[in-house]
Protein backbone atom coordinates (compact mmCIF):
# COMPACT_ATOMS: atom_id res chain seq x y z
CA MET A 1 -48.27 92.67 -14.52
CA LEU A 2 -49.37 94.27 -17.88
CA TYR A 3 -51.26 91.16 -18.92
CA VAL A 4 -53.47 91.38 -15.77
CA TRP A 5 -54.22 94.99 -16.02
CA LEU A 6 -55.15 94.59 -19.83
CA LYS A 7 -57.59 91.61 -18.49
CA VAL A 8 -58.77 93.60 -15.58
CA LEU A 9 -59.65 96.64 -17.84
CA HIS A 10 -61.23 94.19 -20.63
CA ILE A 11 -63.53 92.89 -18.03
CA LEU A 12 -64.41 96.09 -16.60
CA PHE A 13 -65.40 97.54 -20.03
CA VAL A 14 -67.11 94.26 -21.23
CA MET A 15 -69.34 94.40 -17.95
CA ALA A 16 -70.09 98.18 -18.54
CA TRP A 17 -71.06 97.25 -22.19
CA VAL A 18 -73.36 94.32 -21.06
CA ALA A 19 -74.92 96.67 -18.65
CA THR A 20 -76.04 98.88 -21.48
CA VAL A 21 -77.12 95.56 -23.54
CA PHE A 22 -79.52 94.63 -20.95
CA TYR A 23 -80.98 98.20 -19.97
CA LEU A 24 -81.76 99.48 -23.45
CA PRO A 25 -84.55 96.99 -23.90
CA ARG A 26 -85.83 98.07 -20.68
CA ILE A 27 -85.99 101.58 -21.89
CA LEU A 28 -87.80 100.29 -25.11
CA VAL A 29 -90.56 98.36 -22.87
CA ASN A 30 -91.24 101.53 -20.94
CA MET A 31 -91.48 103.41 -24.38
CA ALA A 32 -94.01 100.85 -25.47
CA GLU A 33 -96.20 100.98 -22.35
CA VAL A 34 -96.23 104.52 -21.83
CA GLY A 35 -97.81 105.32 -25.02
CA ASP A 36 -98.13 108.73 -26.57
CA VAL A 37 -97.33 110.92 -23.43
CA PRO A 38 -94.74 113.40 -25.05
CA VAL A 39 -92.90 114.34 -21.76
CA VAL A 40 -92.01 110.84 -20.97
CA GLN A 41 -91.34 109.72 -24.36
CA THR A 42 -88.77 112.65 -24.71
CA ARG A 43 -87.17 111.72 -21.39
CA LEU A 44 -86.90 107.77 -22.55
CA GLN A 45 -85.60 108.78 -25.96
CA LEU A 46 -82.69 110.99 -24.24
CA MET A 47 -81.92 108.21 -21.85
CA GLY A 48 -81.81 105.80 -24.51
CA LYS A 49 -79.79 107.86 -26.85
CA ARG A 50 -77.24 108.45 -24.04
CA LEU A 51 -77.22 104.81 -23.15
CA ILE A 52 -76.47 103.94 -26.87
CA ARG A 53 -73.50 106.39 -26.95
CA PHE A 54 -72.08 105.27 -23.64
CA GLY A 55 -72.65 101.31 -24.79
CA HIS A 56 -70.74 101.99 -28.00
CA VAL A 57 -67.49 103.89 -26.21
CA MET A 58 -67.78 100.63 -23.82
CA PHE A 59 -67.65 98.38 -26.68
CA GLY A 60 -64.86 99.96 -28.17
CA LEU A 61 -62.72 100.06 -25.20
CA ALA A 62 -63.41 96.43 -24.41
CA THR A 63 -62.43 95.54 -27.94
CA LEU A 64 -59.47 97.58 -27.62
CA PHE A 65 -58.12 96.02 -24.44
CA GLY A 66 -59.27 92.38 -25.88
CA VAL A 67 -57.30 92.81 -28.95
CA ALA A 68 -54.23 94.19 -26.72
CA ILE A 69 -54.50 90.82 -24.86
CA TRP A 70 -54.70 88.90 -27.82
CA ILE A 71 -51.63 90.70 -29.09
CA ARG A 72 -49.80 90.13 -25.72
CA ILE A 73 -50.37 86.48 -25.21
CA GLY A 74 -51.37 85.24 -28.61
CA ILE A 75 -54.63 83.46 -27.66
CA SER A 76 -56.07 81.12 -30.52
CA GLY A 77 -58.36 78.20 -30.62
CA GLY A 78 -61.77 77.32 -31.78
CA TRP A 79 -63.50 78.51 -28.55
CA LEU A 80 -62.12 82.18 -29.45
CA HIS A 81 -63.86 82.08 -33.03
CA ALA A 82 -67.01 80.65 -31.20
CA LYS A 83 -66.98 83.30 -28.84
CA LEU A 84 -66.27 86.26 -31.11
CA THR A 85 -69.18 85.00 -33.20
CA LEU A 86 -71.33 85.38 -30.18
CA VAL A 87 -70.14 88.75 -29.39
CA VAL A 88 -70.96 90.06 -32.85
CA LEU A 89 -74.53 88.53 -32.44
CA LEU A 90 -74.77 90.47 -29.32
CA LEU A 91 -73.36 93.76 -30.91
CA ALA A 92 -75.87 92.94 -33.59
CA TYR A 93 -78.82 92.83 -30.96
CA PHE A 94 -77.53 95.92 -29.25
CA ILE A 95 -77.48 97.93 -32.60
CA TYR A 96 -81.11 96.42 -33.64
CA CYS A 97 -82.37 97.76 -30.10
CA GLY A 98 -80.83 101.19 -31.13
CA ARG A 99 -82.63 101.26 -34.27
CA LEU A 100 -85.90 100.20 -32.42
CA LEU A 101 -85.27 103.40 -30.18
CA LYS A 102 -85.21 105.68 -33.33
CA ARG A 103 -88.78 104.70 -34.14
CA SER A 104 -91.62 106.41 -32.67
CA ALA A 105 -93.34 104.50 -29.59
CA LEU A 106 -96.31 103.75 -31.90
CA GLN A 107 -94.09 101.65 -34.15
CA LEU A 108 -92.35 99.63 -31.30
CA PRO A 109 -93.32 95.85 -30.73
CA THR A 110 -95.77 94.84 -28.11
CA PRO A 111 -94.12 95.25 -24.51
CA THR A 112 -94.45 91.52 -24.30
CA ALA A 113 -92.32 90.93 -27.33
CA LEU A 114 -89.80 93.29 -26.09
CA ARG A 115 -89.59 91.54 -22.81
CA TRP A 116 -89.26 88.13 -24.63
CA ALA A 117 -86.38 89.76 -26.63
CA ASN A 118 -84.78 91.07 -23.53
CA GLU A 119 -83.94 87.41 -22.81
CA LEU A 120 -81.68 86.80 -25.94
CA PRO A 121 -78.53 88.60 -24.42
CA ILE A 122 -78.50 86.22 -21.56
CA VAL A 123 -78.52 83.16 -23.82
CA LEU A 124 -75.66 84.71 -25.72
CA LEU A 125 -73.79 86.08 -22.64
CA LEU A 126 -74.14 82.54 -21.11
CA GLY A 127 -72.65 81.04 -24.11
CA ILE A 128 -69.73 83.68 -24.28
CA LEU A 129 -68.92 82.92 -20.45
CA TYR A 130 -69.20 79.29 -21.06
CA LEU A 131 -66.39 79.35 -23.97
CA VAL A 132 -64.21 81.74 -22.19
CA VAL A 133 -64.09 79.74 -18.81
CA ALA A 134 -64.05 76.17 -20.32
CA LYS A 135 -62.30 76.65 -23.60
CA PRO A 136 -63.87 73.24 -24.74
CA PHE A 137 -62.10 73.28 -27.96
């Protein structure tokens, strides 16, 4: 029963973190599109900072429960290494977006470039989900 709860909590916190990974680039797109409107820029900056903080907490909790599952049942295999590599890439993307948020709106890439960059997490997440479900190697 402990294993089931560890897994449920891991999935819950992964879902919450991935939501932040998807939403943060949308805030960046809005910042790039709104231009130099101080009130809106301030609001978007605040939303982004809170989202980053929330995302880091969710990632930490997801990692904690993932490690607990690993210790409890001793998961191993090449698929796990590949999955963790993709998770690290997704985390690097999240950190990159957080650094973009710290720039002013005038230093951001174009809204179109940000929209294209917003597709990267979908590809990485698709790879992660495939590896977890299929365990191909």
